[in-house]
Amino acid sequence: MKDYWYLVSSLPYLRFGEKPSMGAEAFRAACVGWLSEDELSVVDAVLDGREPPAGTASAWWNGEVQLRDAVVRVRAKNRGTDASPFMKPYAGFSATIEKMVTDAFTRPDPLEQEMELDRARWSLIEGQAVAEPFGFAAVLAFAVKVCIAERWAKMDDEAGKANVEELISGAVES
């Protein structure tokens, strides 16, 4: 395992629910010169929200797919529909992930549910990075966490209202 002492130690500490002091683009730029092309392609996939190439990020991706599948099952059950057409295959199983998703859906508000799901993602990736705090797992963890932090930093009431109005006007026009 290769360690990235300088890269990891130069990254800012991210806190869930706070605006990140370094965004995804700056993080990606900071990785250049430190990571191999294969590792950069994994970082790019994570930052783009898509499946990374097989290998170093497979544990994270399988957990992410299991979490998404658990969300699909809960939502399908709540709507009385079949979840199976929307399920994706993944390796392994984590009872912790299933419990986190179940707990998230005990929240009464959809925004709170989403926040709990992202808090679960944050916790899971931090747990994976503990084993190699200066290895690629730590770099991967930062990529996942910066995506989550940026997502929540972009949310604000005015932008949300504008999006709803745009959706409504688009639906009325069509």
C-alpha atoms as a PDB file:
ATOM      1  CA  MET A   1       0.000   0.000   0.000  1.00  0.00           C
ATOM      2  CA  LYS A   2       1.304   3.370  -0.966  1.00  0.00           C
ATOM      3  CA  ASP A   3       0.912   6.242   1.472  1.00  0.00           C
ATOM      4  CA  TYR A   4       0.158   9.831   0.552  1.00  0.00           C
ATOM      5  CA  TRP A   5       1.467  11.589   3.644  1.00  0.00           C
ATOM      6  CA  TYR A   6       1.784  15.042   2.134  1.00  0.00           C
ATOM      7  CA  LEU A   7      -1.426  14.963   0.095  1.00  0.00           C
ATOM      8  CA  VAL A   8      -3.621  13.697   2.937  1.00  0.00           C
ATOM      9  CA  SER A   9      -2.070  15.988   5.544  1.00  0.00           C
ATOM     10  CA  SER A  10      -2.583  18.993   3.252  1.00  0.00           C
ATOM     11  CA  LEU A  11      -6.327  18.338   2.889  1.00  0.00           C
ATOM     12  CA  PRO A  12      -8.626  20.363   5.147  1.00  0.00           C
ATOM     13  CA  TYR A  13     -10.711  18.636   7.783  1.00  0.00           C
ATOM     14  CA  LEU A  14     -14.304  18.308   6.632  1.00  0.00           C
ATOM     15  CA  ARG A  15     -17.235  18.355   9.026  1.00  0.00           C
ATOM     16  CA  PHE A  16     -20.618  16.983   8.090  1.00  0.00           C
ATOM     17  CA  GLY A  17     -23.122  19.775   7.569  1.00  0.00           C
ATOM     18  CA  GLU A  18     -20.517  22.495   7.061  1.00  0.00           C
ATOM     19  CA  LYS A  19     -19.452  24.143   3.823  1.00  0.00           C
ATOM     20  CA  PRO A  20     -16.158  22.614   2.671  1.00  0.00           C
ATOM     21  CA  SER A  21     -13.142  24.901   2.599  1.00  0.00           C
ATOM     22  CA  MET A  22     -11.890  22.959  -0.442  1.00  0.00           C
ATOM     23  CA  GLY A  23     -14.209  21.974  -3.261  1.00  0.00           C
ATOM     24  CA  ALA A  24     -14.134  18.939  -5.511  1.00  0.00           C
ATOM     25  CA  GLU A  25     -12.315  20.739  -8.339  1.00  0.00           C
ATOM     26  CA  ALA A  26      -9.547  22.001  -6.057  1.00  0.00           C
ATOM     27  CA  PHE A  27      -9.269  18.556  -4.491  1.00  0.00           C
ATOM     28  CA  ARG A  28      -8.951  16.910  -7.908  1.00  0.00           C
ATOM     29  CA  ALA A  29      -6.244  19.409  -8.857  1.00  0.00           C
ATOM     30  CA  ALA A  30      -4.394  18.713  -5.594  1.00  0.00           C
ATOM     31  CA  CYS A  31      -4.339  14.990  -6.414  1.00  0.00           C
ATOM     32  CA  VAL A  32      -2.524  15.471  -9.723  1.00  0.00           C
ATOM     33  CA  GLY A  33       1.116  14.592  -9.353  1.00  0.00           C
ATOM     34  CA  TRP A  34       0.489  12.445  -6.281  1.00  0.00           C
ATOM     35  CA  LEU A  35      -1.890   9.782  -7.563  1.00  0.00           C
ATOM     36  CA  SER A  36      -1.410   7.345 -10.421  1.00  0.00           C
ATOM     37  CA  GLU A  37      -3.636   7.578 -13.491  1.00  0.00           C
ATOM     38  CA  ASP A  38      -5.629   4.586 -12.231  1.00  0.00           C
ATOM     39  CA  GLU A  39      -6.156   6.236  -8.853  1.00  0.00           C
ATOM     40  CA  LEU A  40      -7.143   9.510 -10.511  1.00  0.00           C
ATOM     41  CA  SER A  41      -9.746   7.644 -12.558  1.00  0.00           C
ATOM     42  CA  VAL A  42     -11.189   6.278  -9.298  1.00  0.00           C
ATOM     43  CA  VAL A  43     -11.274   9.779  -7.791  1.00  0.00           C
ATOM     44  CA  ASP A  44     -12.926  11.114 -10.961  1.00  0.00           C
ATOM     45  CA  ALA A  45     -15.600   8.402 -10.802  1.00  0.00           C
ATOM     46  CA  VAL A  46     -16.335   9.179  -7.150  1.00  0.00           C
ATOM     47  CA  LEU A  47     -16.508  12.920  -7.804  1.00  0.00           C
ATOM     48  CA  ASP A  48     -18.847  12.268 -10.757  1.00  0.00           C
ATOM     49  CA  GLY A  49     -21.054   9.913  -8.713  1.00  0.00           C
ATOM     50  CA  ARG A  50     -20.471   6.898 -10.930  1.00  0.00           C
ATOM     51  CA  GLU A  51     -19.089   3.417 -10.428  1.00  0.00           C
ATOM     52  CA  PRO A  52     -15.304   3.475 -10.144  1.00  0.00           C
ATOM     53  CA  PRO A  53     -13.072   1.025 -11.997  1.00  0.00           C
ATOM     54  CA  ALA A  54     -12.778  -2.289 -10.146  1.00  0.00           C
ATOM     55  CA  GLY A  55     -10.201  -2.521  -7.431  1.00  0.00           C
ATOM     56  CA  THR A  56      -9.345  -0.145  -4.640  1.00  0.00           C
ATOM     57  CA  ALA A  57     -12.774   1.450  -4.304  1.00  0.00           C
ATOM     58  CA  SER A  58     -14.855  -1.711  -4.582  1.00  0.00           C
ATOM     59  CA  ALA A  59     -15.637  -1.893  -0.842  1.00  0.00           C
ATOM     60  CA  TRP A  60     -16.932   1.677  -0.900  1.00  0.00           C
ATOM     61  CA  TRP A  61     -18.928   1.153  -4.101  1.00  0.00           C
ATOM     62  CA  ASN A  62     -20.517  -2.090  -2.871  1.00  0.00           C
ATOM     63  CA  GLY A  63     -21.573  -0.298   0.319  1.00  0.00           C
ATOM     64  CA  GLU A  64     -22.981   2.596  -1.702  1.00  0.00           C
ATOM     65  CA  VAL A  65     -24.966   0.226  -3.933  1.00  0.00           C
ATOM     66  CA  GLN A  66     -26.276  -1.667  -0.897  1.00  0.00           C
ATOM     67  CA  LEU A  67     -27.347   1.636   0.670  1.00  0.00           C
ATOM     68  CA  ARG A  68     -29.118   2.696  -2.533  1.00  0.00           C
ATOM     69  CA  ASP A  69     -30.816  -0.696  -2.813  1.00  0.00           C
ATOM     70  CA  ALA A  70     -31.987  -0.459   0.802  1.00  0.00           C
ATOM     71  CA  VAL A  71     -33.452   2.982   0.045  1.00  0.00           C
ATOM     72  CA  VAL A  72     -35.217   1.545  -3.013  1.00  0.00           C
ATOM     73  CA  ARG A  73     -36.700  -1.281  -0.924  1.00  0.00           C
ATOM     74  CA  VAL A  74     -38.019   1.102   1.749  1.00  0.00           C
ATOM     75  CA  ARG A  75     -39.490   3.524  -0.783  1.00  0.00           C
ATOM     76  CA  ALA A  76     -41.045   0.720  -2.827  1.00  0.00           C
ATOM     77  CA  LYS A  77     -42.566  -0.809   0.298  1.00  0.00           C
ATOM     78  CA  ASN A  78     -44.002   2.573   1.312  1.00  0.00           C
ATOM     79  CA  ARG A  79     -45.575   2.916  -2.148  1.00  0.00           C
ATOM     80  CA  GLY A  80     -46.720  -0.687  -2.430  1.00  0.00           C
ATOM     81  CA  THR A  81     -44.592  -1.389  -5.511  1.00  0.00           C
ATOM     82  CA  ASP A  82     -42.004  -3.988  -6.452  1.00  0.00           C
ATOM     83  CA  ALA A  83     -38.417  -2.890  -5.845  1.00  0.00           C
ATOM     84  CA  SER A  84     -36.725  -5.662  -7.835  1.00  0.00           C
ATOM     85  CA  PRO A  85     -36.594  -3.871 -11.229  1.00  0.00           C
ATOM     86  CA  PHE A  86     -34.577  -1.085  -9.610  1.00  0.00           C
ATOM     87  CA  MET A  87     -32.138  -3.168  -7.591  1.00  0.00           C
ATOM     88  CA  LYS A  88     -28.469  -3.338  -8.552  1.00  0.00           C
ATOM     89  CA  PRO A  89     -26.107  -6.206  -7.737  1.00  0.00           C
ATOM     90  CA  TYR A  90     -23.340  -5.738  -5.178  1.00  0.00           C
ATOM     91  CA  ALA A  91     -20.865  -7.921  -3.320  1.00  0.00           C
ATOM     92  CA  GLY A  92     -21.087  -8.516   0.406  1.00  0.00           C
ATOM     93  CA  PHE A  93     -23.704  -7.467   2.917  1.00  0.00           C
ATOM     94  CA  SER A  94     -23.673  -5.068   5.847  1.00  0.00           C
ATOM     95  CA  ALA A  95     -26.372  -5.199   8.499  1.00  0.00           C
ATOM     96  CA  THR A  96     -25.086  -1.793   9.624  1.00  0.00           C
ATOM     97  CA  ILE A  97     -26.033  -0.237   6.290  1.00  0.00           C
ATOM     98  CA  GLU A  98     -29.501  -1.768   6.422  1.00  0.00           C
ATOM     99  CA  LYS A  99     -30.010  -0.406   9.943  1.00  0.00           C
ATOM    100  CA  MET A 100     -28.758   3.054   8.961  1.00  0.00           C
ATOM    101  CA  VAL A 101     -31.255   3.220   6.102  1.00  0.00           C
ATOM    102  CA  THR A 102     -34.109   1.934   8.251  1.00  0.00           C
ATOM    103  CA  ASP A 103     -33.239   4.513  10.921  1.00  0.00           C
ATOM    104  CA  ALA A 104     -33.082   7.303   8.329  1.00  0.00           C
ATOM    105  CA  PHE A 105     -36.617   6.550   7.217  1.00  0.00           C
ATOM    106  CA  THR A 106     -37.955   6.939  10.751  1.00  0.00           C
ATOM    107  CA  ARG A 107     -37.420  10.672  10.288  1.00  0.00           C
ATOM    108  CA  PRO A 108     -40.689  12.464   9.501  1.00  0.00           C
ATOM    109  CA  ASP A 109     -39.249  14.963   7.032  1.00  0.00           C
ATOM    110  CA  PRO A 110     -37.774  13.954   3.620  1.00  0.00           C
ATOM    111  CA  LEU A 111     -34.950  16.466   4.069  1.00  0.00           C
ATOM    112  CA  GLU A 112     -34.045  14.900   7.409  1.00  0.00           C
ATOM    113  CA  GLN A 113     -34.157  11.463   5.781  1.00  0.00           C
ATOM    114  CA  GLU A 114     -31.719  12.597   3.089  1.00  0.00           C
ATOM    115  CA  MET A 115     -29.473  14.135   5.713  1.00  0.00           C
ATOM    116  CA  GLU A 116     -29.410  10.881   7.679  1.00  0.00           C
ATOM    117  CA  LEU A 117     -28.598   8.899   4.536  1.00  0.00           C
ATOM    118  CA  ASP A 118     -25.678  11.216   3.777  1.00  0.00           C
ATOM    119  CA  ARG A 119     -24.588  11.049   7.411  1.00  0.00           C
ATOM    120  CA  ALA A 120     -24.546   7.249   6.997  1.00  0.00           C
ATOM    121  CA  ARG A 121     -22.428   7.561   3.841  1.00  0.00           C
ATOM    122  CA  TRP A 122     -20.036   9.870   5.697  1.00  0.00           C
ATOM    123  CA  SER A 123     -19.717   7.475   8.617  1.00  0.00           C
ATOM    124  CA  LEU A 124     -19.206   4.429   6.401  1.00  0.00           C
ATOM    125  CA  ILE A 125     -16.415   5.987   4.343  1.00  0.00           C
ATOM    126  CA  GLU A 126     -14.695   7.302   7.474  1.00  0.00           C
ATOM    127  CA  GLY A 127     -14.767   3.756   8.833  1.00  0.00           C
ATOM    128  CA  GLN A 128     -13.073   2.442   5.712  1.00  0.00           C
ATOM    129  CA  ALA A 129     -10.325   5.068   5.889  1.00  0.00           C
ATOM    130  CA  VAL A 130      -9.361   4.234   9.484  1.00  0.00           C
ATOM    131  CA  ALA A 131      -7.295   1.232   8.387  1.00  0.00           C
ATOM    132  CA  GLU A 132      -4.970   3.354   6.244  1.00  0.00           C
ATOM    133  CA  PRO A 133      -5.185   6.989   7.389  1.00  0.00           C
ATOM    134  CA  PHE A 134      -2.589   8.171   4.863  1.00  0.00           C
ATOM    135  CA  GLY A 135      -3.320   5.636   2.138  1.00  0.00           C
ATOM    136  CA  PHE A 136      -5.589   5.754  -0.865  1.00  0.00           C
ATOM    137  CA  ALA A 137      -8.592   4.941   1.340  1.00  0.00           C
ATOM    138  CA  ALA A 138      -8.114   8.331   3.042  1.00  0.00           C
ATOM    139  CA  VAL A 139      -7.965  10.060  -0.350  1.00  0.00           C
ATOM    140  CA  LEU A 140     -11.104   8.203  -1.428  1.00  0.00           C
ATOM    141  CA  ALA A 141     -12.825   9.160   1.837  1.00  0.00           C
ATOM    142  CA  PHE A 142     -12.076  12.820   1.216  1.00  0.00           C
ATOM    143  CA  ALA A 143     -13.538  12.552  -2.296  1.00  0.00           C
ATOM    144  CA  VAL A 144     -16.781  11.055  -0.975  1.00  0.00           C
ATOM    145  CA  LYS A 145     -17.024  13.548   1.885  1.00  0.00           C
ATOM    146  CA  VAL A 146     -16.334  16.604  -0.281  1.00  0.00           C
ATOM    147  CA  CYS A 147     -19.149  15.521  -2.627  1.00  0.00           C
ATOM    148  CA  ILE A 148     -21.543  15.209   0.296  1.00  0.00           C
ATOM    149  CA  ALA A 149     -20.415  18.520   1.804  1.00  0.00           C
ATOM    150  CA  GLU A 150     -20.757  20.361  -1.516  1.00  0.00           C
ATOM    151  CA  ARG A 151     -24.222  18.900  -2.065  1.00  0.00           C
ATOM    152  CA  TRP A 152     -25.462  20.267   1.254  1.00  0.00           C
ATOM    153  CA  ALA A 153     -23.637  23.579   0.859  1.00  0.00           C
ATOM    154  CA  LYS A 154     -25.503  24.208  -2.414  1.00  0.00           C
ATOM    155  CA  MET A 155     -28.900  23.842  -0.772  1.00  0.00           C
ATOM    156  CA  ASP A 156     -30.630  27.030   0.243  1.00  0.00           C
ATOM    157  CA  ASP A 157     -34.233  28.144   0.537  1.00  0.00           C
ATOM    158  CA  GLU A 158     -34.175  30.704  -2.276  1.00  0.00           C
ATOM    159  CA  ALA A 159     -32.610  28.324  -4.788  1.00  0.00           C
ATOM    160  CA  GLY A 160     -35.056  25.614  -3.716  1.00  0.00           C
ATOM    161  CA  LYS A 161     -38.053  27.899  -4.205  1.00  0.00           C
ATOM    162  CA  ALA A 162     -36.755  28.947  -7.629  1.00  0.00           C
ATOM    163  CA  ASN A 163     -36.347  25.285  -8.640  1.00  0.00           C
ATOM    164  CA  VAL A 164     -39.878  24.432  -7.503  1.00  0.00           C
ATOM    165  CA  GLU A 165     -41.334  27.401  -9.377  1.00  0.00           C
ATOM    166  CA  GLU A 166     -39.420  26.401 -12.510  1.00  0.00           C
ATOM    167  CA  LEU A 167     -40.698  22.820 -12.260  1.00  0.00           C
ATOM    168  CA  ILE A 168     -44.268  23.982 -11.731  1.00  0.00           C
ATOM    169  CA  SER A 169     -44.180  26.453 -14.613  1.00  0.00           C
ATOM    170  CA  GLY A 170     -42.634  23.795 -16.856  1.00  0.00           C
ATOM    171  CA  ALA A 171     -45.365  21.321 -15.919  1.00  0.00           C
ATOM    172  CA  VAL A 172     -48.113  23.897 -16.504  1.00  0.00           C
ATOM    173  CA  GLU A 173     -46.722  24.817 -19.942  1.00  0.00           C
ATOM    174  CA  SER A 174     -46.510  21.214 -21.140  1.00  0.00           C
END
